[in-house]
Amino acid sequence: MKHFLFSGFVLLAGFCSVAQVQAVVRLSDSARLFGRDVISTGDFEFNASFTPDGNTMYFSRATINFGYIAIFYSTYNGRNWSTPETVPFTGVYRDTDPFVSADGMRLYFDSDRPIKGMPYKDYDYHYYYVNLDGNRVISDPEPFTLPLPVGMKPSYLSFTDAGDAYFFSVDSSNNADIYCCEKKGDSYGPPILLSFNSKKYFDFDPVIAHDGSFIVFCSNNRPGYGSGDIWVSFRSGQAWTEPANMGPKVNTKGNDGAPGLSRDNQTLYFTSFRETNMRPSYSKNKATTAAIEALLHSVADGIRHIYVISIADINARSLE
């Protein structure tokens, strides 16, 4: 989820409508804020990746136009999530899109920090990892590379439990497609374009189910509910089903994206701005400066925050 995607989100807001949506997922749950006033605050939050025990969450916070991005983590004590803290390597460069490996021993992330020996280049993202001991970072960032053609850069990397790497890349014609590099022993195979990709659609920010059975991703020009929707495709043999929209319990007229999955694939986390027209009531119909400031800096501020919804009932047959 990078700065260059915003212009497309805004421009497409008026062109997407519910009437155009084809297959839609039926979900029984409804989305709600995750970690209200602790993780989801008055700031701009996105991403969600968890350690294998589910008790540590990594996510990103940014300025509104991605001029500054940092990675945070929070721990769960069985009742509450802790006040988020930054990971020790973040804060100088734009670090984002964290993903915890299946064994919990690595945290992968995207960053515009320079590759060793190279000069810094603004917004030139590469993938890195650090080693973890529980939720403690125990190494410096190291580059993570895949056998990709020159010019292809993986963004929004996620892995199956078997180690297959999924990501998107934007080509020279400014089209985004989703790929997989299969794990082969200690190395990776070349990128494979997922079968549902089309040059008509800008598909990005994929997260693969841990068992590889489905993939959730974003698109800003597939006919949907708003300026950016979340979609799902199911594995069918060696191919993938035609993507289905995640439906109105996830997607809104605004932008919904940056998906993440729980370790059991049954919960979807995503970022969304769901500002509504508000008319608060005050004593004697008089608002104080403090009350107005509190509202403007709350989760009702219209900035994107992290939402959560159960997708335990999702499958290839749960479509309208």
Protein backbone atom coordinates (compact mmCIF):
# COMPACT_ATOMS: atom_id res chain seq x y z
CA MET A 1 0.00 0.00 0.00
CA LYS A 2 2.02 2.91 -1.27
CA HIS A 3 1.53 6.58 -2.01
CA PHE A 4 1.10 6.15 -5.79
CA LEU A 5 -2.23 4.36 -5.41
CA PHE A 6 -4.20 7.23 -3.93
CA SER A 7 -4.87 9.17 -7.13
CA GLY A 8 -6.57 6.16 -8.65
CA PHE A 9 -8.71 5.64 -5.57
CA VAL A 10 -10.03 9.17 -5.71
CA LEU A 11 -10.64 9.29 -9.45
CA LEU A 12 -12.58 6.05 -9.50
CA ALA A 13 -14.86 6.88 -6.60
CA GLY A 14 -17.70 8.01 -8.82
CA PHE A 15 -17.48 5.20 -11.37
CA CYS A 16 -18.08 2.13 -9.21
CA SER A 17 -21.57 1.05 -8.24
CA VAL A 18 -23.24 -1.86 -6.51
CA ALA A 19 -25.22 -2.64 -9.66
CA GLN A 20 -22.02 -3.53 -11.49
CA VAL A 21 -20.75 -6.03 -8.90
CA GLN A 22 -20.79 -9.61 -10.17
CA ALA A 23 -20.12 -12.44 -7.67
CA VAL A 24 -20.36 -11.28 -4.05
CA VAL A 25 -19.34 -13.16 -0.90
CA ARG A 26 -22.08 -13.66 1.69
CA LEU A 27 -20.73 -13.11 5.21
CA SER A 28 -22.80 -13.47 8.38
CA ASP A 29 -20.58 -11.18 10.47
CA SER A 30 -20.26 -7.40 10.16
CA ALA A 31 -17.04 -5.36 10.24
CA ARG A 32 -16.12 -3.41 13.37
CA LEU A 33 -13.17 -1.38 14.57
CA PHE A 34 -10.26 -3.42 15.86
CA GLY A 35 -8.59 -2.27 19.09
CA ARG A 36 -10.62 0.93 19.38
CA ASP A 37 -8.60 3.80 20.92
CA VAL A 38 -5.54 1.53 21.33
CA ILE A 39 -4.61 0.19 17.89
CA SER A 40 -7.29 2.02 15.92
CA THR A 41 -6.96 5.59 17.14
CA GLY A 42 -7.14 9.05 15.59
CA ASP A 43 -4.06 8.15 13.52
CA PHE A 44 -3.83 6.49 10.10
CA GLU A 45 -3.38 2.73 10.69
CA PHE A 46 -3.21 -0.22 8.32
CA ASN A 47 -1.82 -3.77 7.93
CA ALA A 48 -2.21 -6.61 10.41
CA SER A 49 0.08 -9.60 10.84
CA PHE A 50 0.28 -11.84 13.89
CA THR A 51 2.77 -14.13 15.58
CA PRO A 52 1.78 -17.84 15.54
CA ASP A 53 0.22 -17.65 19.01
CA GLY A 54 -1.90 -14.66 17.91
CA ASN A 55 -0.71 -12.59 20.87
CA THR A 56 1.49 -10.07 19.04
CA MET A 57 0.26 -7.92 16.18
CA TYR A 58 2.42 -5.90 13.79
CA PHE A 59 0.90 -3.02 11.83
CA SER A 60 1.75 0.28 10.14
CA ARG A 61 1.01 3.90 10.95
CA ALA A 62 1.57 6.70 8.44
CA THR A 63 0.98 10.31 7.63
CA ILE A 64 -2.04 10.73 5.39
CA ASN A 65 -0.10 10.74 2.09
CA PHE A 66 2.54 8.16 3.11
CA GLY A 67 5.30 10.74 3.47
CA TYR A 68 6.24 8.96 6.69
CA ILE A 69 5.49 5.33 7.62
CA ALA A 70 6.55 3.28 10.63
CA ILE A 71 5.89 -0.23 11.96
CA PHE A 72 4.36 -0.79 15.39
CA TYR A 73 3.53 -3.82 17.47
CA SER A 74 1.06 -4.55 20.26
CA THR A 75 0.71 -7.55 22.57
CA TYR A 76 -2.43 -9.22 23.92
CA ASN A 77 -2.66 -10.28 27.57
CA GLY A 78 -5.86 -12.29 27.23
CA ARG A 79 -8.13 -9.29 27.77
CA ASN A 80 -6.60 -6.20 26.18
CA TRP A 81 -4.08 -5.11 23.58
CA SER A 82 -1.14 -3.12 24.90
CA THR A 83 -0.32 0.45 23.91
CA PRO A 84 1.55 0.03 20.60
CA GLU A 85 5.30 0.55 20.44
CA THR A 86 7.56 0.92 17.44
CA VAL A 87 9.84 -1.92 16.38
CA PRO A 88 13.49 -0.98 17.00
CA PHE A 89 14.56 -0.66 13.35
CA THR A 90 11.81 1.71 12.19
CA GLY A 91 11.49 5.50 12.16
CA VAL A 92 14.15 6.76 9.74
CA TYR A 93 12.94 5.28 6.43
CA ARG A 94 9.45 4.36 5.25
CA ASP A 95 8.85 0.88 6.69
CA THR A 96 5.54 -0.81 6.00
CA ASP A 97 3.56 -3.99 5.15
CA PRO A 98 4.86 -6.26 7.95
CA PHE A 99 4.33 -10.02 7.66
CA VAL A 100 5.28 -12.66 10.25
CA SER A 101 6.55 -16.00 8.93
CA ALA A 102 4.63 -19.19 9.76
CA ASP A 103 7.23 -20.29 12.31
CA GLY A 104 7.29 -16.85 13.92
CA MET A 105 11.03 -16.53 13.45
CA ARG A 106 11.03 -13.74 10.85
CA LEU A 107 9.28 -10.44 10.32
CA TYR A 108 9.26 -9.37 6.67
CA PHE A 109 8.58 -5.76 5.70
CA ASP A 110 8.80 -3.33 2.80
CA SER A 111 11.09 -0.31 3.08
CA ASP A 112 12.71 2.44 1.03
CA ARG A 113 15.88 2.12 3.14
CA PRO A 114 18.87 1.80 0.80
CA ILE A 115 20.33 -1.58 -0.08
CA LYS A 116 23.77 -1.89 1.52
CA GLY A 117 26.35 0.14 -0.38
CA MET A 118 23.73 1.95 -2.49
CA PRO A 119 22.58 5.56 -2.11
CA TYR A 120 19.14 6.33 -0.71
CA LYS A 121 16.40 6.75 -3.33
CA ASP A 122 13.08 8.23 -2.27
CA TYR A 123 10.16 5.74 -2.44
CA ASP A 124 12.45 3.00 -3.85
CA TYR A 125 11.00 0.06 -1.94
CA HIS A 126 12.63 -3.32 -1.37
CA TYR A 127 11.77 -6.23 0.88
CA TYR A 128 13.68 -6.94 4.09
CA TYR A 129 13.40 -9.22 7.09
CA VAL A 130 14.52 -9.27 10.71
CA ASN A 131 14.80 -12.30 12.98
CA LEU A 132 12.39 -12.64 15.89
CA ASP A 133 12.57 -14.29 19.28
CA GLY A 134 8.95 -14.26 20.35
CA ASN A 135 8.01 -10.64 19.69
CA ARG A 136 11.57 -9.38 20.19
CA VAL A 137 13.60 -8.28 17.17
CA ILE A 138 17.06 -9.87 17.46
CA SER A 139 18.78 -8.83 14.22
CA ASP A 140 19.33 -5.91 11.90
CA PRO A 141 17.27 -5.74 8.68
CA GLU A 142 18.53 -7.89 5.82
CA PRO A 143 17.35 -7.74 2.18
CA PHE A 144 14.99 -10.48 1.01
CA THR A 145 15.18 -11.28 -2.69
CA LEU A 146 13.30 -13.50 -5.12
CA PRO A 147 14.40 -14.66 -8.60
CA LEU A 148 12.56 -11.93 -10.50
CA PRO A 149 13.13 -10.35 -13.91
CA VAL A 150 14.91 -7.00 -13.97
CA GLY A 151 12.49 -4.23 -13.08
CA MET A 152 10.01 -6.40 -11.18
CA LYS A 153 9.78 -5.52 -7.50
CA PRO A 154 7.62 -7.45 -5.05
CA SER A 155 5.21 -5.40 -2.96
CA TYR A 156 2.91 -6.51 -0.15
CA LEU A 157 4.60 -9.84 0.35
CA SER A 158 2.84 -12.71 2.13
CA PHE A 159 3.61 -16.41 2.47
CA THR A 160 1.77 -19.70 2.76
CA ASP A 161 2.80 -21.93 5.63
CA ALA A 162 4.68 -24.00 3.02
CA GLY A 163 6.74 -20.89 2.20
CA ASP A 164 5.32 -19.92 -1.21
CA ALA A 165 5.63 -16.15 -1.68
CA TYR A 166 2.76 -14.04 -3.06
CA PHE A 167 3.07 -10.39 -4.04
CA PHE A 168 2.07 -7.81 -6.62
CA SER A 169 4.19 -5.81 -9.02
CA VAL A 170 3.47 -2.79 -11.21
CA ASP A 171 4.73 -3.02 -14.80
CA SER A 172 5.95 -0.33 -17.19
CA SER A 173 2.37 0.36 -18.37
CA ASN A 174 1.32 1.07 -14.75
CA ASN A 175 -0.68 -2.14 -14.48
CA ALA A 176 -0.57 -4.13 -11.24
CA ASP A 177 -0.77 -7.93 -11.21
CA ILE A 178 -0.40 -10.62 -8.57
CA TYR A 179 2.28 -13.32 -8.70
CA CYS A 180 3.56 -16.33 -6.80
CA CYS A 181 7.10 -17.66 -6.39
CA GLU A 182 6.89 -21.26 -5.22
CA LYS A 183 9.25 -22.45 -2.52
CA LYS A 184 11.57 -25.15 -3.84
CA GLY A 185 13.74 -26.50 -1.05
CA ASP A 186 15.87 -23.61 0.14
CA SER A 187 15.19 -21.46 -2.94
CA TYR A 188 12.30 -20.03 -4.93
CA GLY A 189 11.04 -20.63 -8.44
CA PRO A 190 10.39 -17.86 -10.98
CA PRO A 191 7.27 -15.67 -10.65
CA ILE A 192 4.00 -17.21 -11.81
CA LEU A 193 1.17 -14.87 -12.83
CA LEU A 194 -2.06 -15.88 -11.09
CA SER A 195 -4.68 -16.98 -13.61
CA PHE A 196 -7.34 -14.39 -12.72
CA ASN A 197 -5.11 -11.43 -13.58
CA SER A 198 -6.17 -9.19 -16.44
CA LYS A 199 -4.60 -6.13 -18.01
CA LYS A 200 -7.97 -4.46 -17.50
CA TYR A 201 -7.64 -4.47 -13.73
CA PHE A 202 -5.24 -2.96 -11.22
CA ASP A 203 -4.96 -5.73 -8.60
CA PHE A 204 -2.66 -5.23 -5.63
CA ASP A 205 -1.96 -5.83 -1.91
CA PRO A 206 -2.59 -9.61 -1.86
CA VAL A 207 -2.57 -11.74 1.27
CA ILE A 208 -2.58 -15.50 0.83
CA ALA A 209 -4.40 -17.87 3.16
CA HIS A 210 -1.91 -19.79 5.25
CA ASP A 211 -2.93 -23.07 3.62
CA GLY A 212 -2.95 -21.49 0.15
CA SER A 213 -6.65 -22.21 -0.40
CA PHE A 214 -7.69 -18.62 -1.17
CA ILE A 215 -6.20 -15.19 -1.69
CA VAL A 216 -7.60 -11.80 -0.65
CA PHE A 217 -6.50 -8.70 -2.53
CA CYS A 218 -7.47 -5.14 -3.45
CA SER A 219 -8.50 -3.57 -6.72
CA ASN A 220 -9.25 0.04 -7.56
CA ASN A 221 -10.97 -0.55 -10.90
CA ARG A 222 -12.86 -3.84 -10.75
CA PRO A 223 -16.56 -2.89 -10.68
CA GLY A 224 -17.38 -2.75 -7.00
CA TYR A 225 -18.86 -0.69 -4.20
CA GLY A 226 -16.40 2.16 -3.95
CA SER A 227 -13.06 3.68 -4.87
CA GLY A 228 -11.14 0.60 -3.76
CA ASP A 229 -12.59 -2.79 -2.82
CA ILE A 230 -11.36 -6.06 -1.34
CA TRP A 231 -11.77 -9.24 -3.41
CA VAL A 232 -11.21 -12.96 -2.96
CA SER A 233 -10.25 -15.79 -5.30
CA PHE A 234 -10.20 -19.50 -4.44
CA ARG A 235 -7.63 -22.02 -5.57
CA SER A 236 -9.03 -24.46 -8.11
CA GLY A 237 -6.42 -27.07 -8.93
CA GLN A 238 -3.51 -25.18 -10.46
CA ALA A 239 -5.73 -22.19 -11.32
CA TRP A 240 -7.83 -19.64 -9.46
CA THR A 241 -11.53 -18.82 -9.56
CA GLU A 242 -12.80 -15.56 -10.98
CA PRO A 243 -12.50 -13.04 -8.11
CA ALA A 244 -15.57 -12.32 -6.00
CA ASN A 245 -16.22 -9.07 -4.19
CA MET A 246 -16.07 -9.38 -0.39
CA GLY A 247 -19.44 -7.68 -0.22
CA PRO A 248 -21.02 -4.68 1.52
CA LYS A 249 -20.15 -5.86 5.02
CA VAL A 250 -16.51 -5.26 4.10
CA ASN A 251 -16.52 -2.80 1.21
CA THR A 252 -17.93 0.72 1.31
CA LYS A 253 -18.32 3.71 -1.00
CA GLY A 254 -14.86 4.79 0.13
CA ASN A 255 -11.58 2.90 0.03
CA ASP A 256 -11.08 -0.46 1.74
CA GLY A 257 -7.76 -2.26 1.58
CA ALA A 258 -4.51 -3.45 3.20
CA PRO A 259 -5.92 -6.90 4.08
CA GLY A 260 -4.46 -9.27 6.64
CA LEU A 261 -5.54 -12.71 7.87
CA SER A 262 -5.53 -14.42 11.23
CA ARG A 263 -3.40 -17.53 11.64
CA ASP A 264 -6.48 -19.78 11.20
CA ASN A 265 -7.69 -17.91 8.06
CA GLN A 266 -11.03 -17.22 9.76
CA THR A 267 -10.64 -13.50 10.45
CA LEU A 268 -10.01 -10.69 7.99
CA TYR A 269 -8.36 -7.45 9.06
CA PHE A 270 -8.41 -4.46 6.73
CA THR A 271 -8.19 -0.70 6.68
CA SER A 272 -11.14 1.52 5.89
CA PHE A 273 -12.41 5.03 6.35
CA ARG A 274 -16.08 5.01 7.30
CA GLU A 275 -16.77 8.60 8.18
CA THR A 276 -20.44 9.43 8.58
CA ASN A 277 -22.23 12.74 8.86
CA MET A 278 -22.15 13.50 12.57
CA ARG A 279 -24.30 15.85 14.61
CA PRO A 280 -23.22 15.34 18.22
CA SER A 281 -25.47 16.52 21.03
CA TYR A 282 -24.05 18.81 23.71
CA SER A 283 -25.39 20.35 26.86
CA LYS A 284 -27.42 23.43 25.92
CA ASN A 285 -26.47 22.67 22.30
CA LYS A 286 -23.10 24.31 22.89
CA ALA A 287 -19.87 22.56 21.91
CA THR A 288 -16.68 23.33 23.76
CA THR A 289 -13.30 23.61 22.06
CA ALA A 290 -12.14 20.50 23.96
CA ALA A 291 -15.15 18.47 22.78
CA ILE A 292 -14.62 19.47 19.16
CA GLU A 293 -10.89 18.71 19.35
CA ALA A 294 -11.62 15.31 20.87
CA LEU A 295 -14.00 14.43 18.04
CA LEU A 296 -11.60 15.62 15.33
CA HIS A 297 -8.83 13.43 16.77
CA SER A 298 -10.97 10.35 17.43
CA VAL A 299 -11.64 7.25 15.32
CA ALA A 300 -14.56 9.18 13.81
CA ASP A 301 -12.11 11.50 12.03
CA GLY A 302 -12.52 9.88 8.60
CA ILE A 303 -8.89 8.70 8.47
CA ARG A 304 -8.34 5.03 7.76
CA HIS A 305 -8.35 2.66 10.72
CA ILE A 306 -8.16 -1.12 11.10
CA TYR A 307 -11.38 -3.12 10.98
CA VAL A 308 -12.03 -6.78 11.68
CA ILE A 309 -14.64 -9.27 10.46
CA SER A 310 -15.09 -13.01 10.79
CA ILE A 311 -14.84 -14.84 7.47
CA ALA A 312 -15.21 -18.31 9.01
CA ASP A 313 -18.09 -19.01 6.62
CA ILE A 314 -16.17 -18.02 3.48
CA ASN A 315 -15.78 -20.60 0.72
CA ALA A 316 -16.21 -20.86 -3.02
CA ARG A 317 -19.92 -21.65 -2.53
CA SER A 318 -20.65 -18.62 -0.32
CA LEU A 319 -21.35 -16.38 -3.28
CA GLU A 320 -24.48 -14.55 -4.34
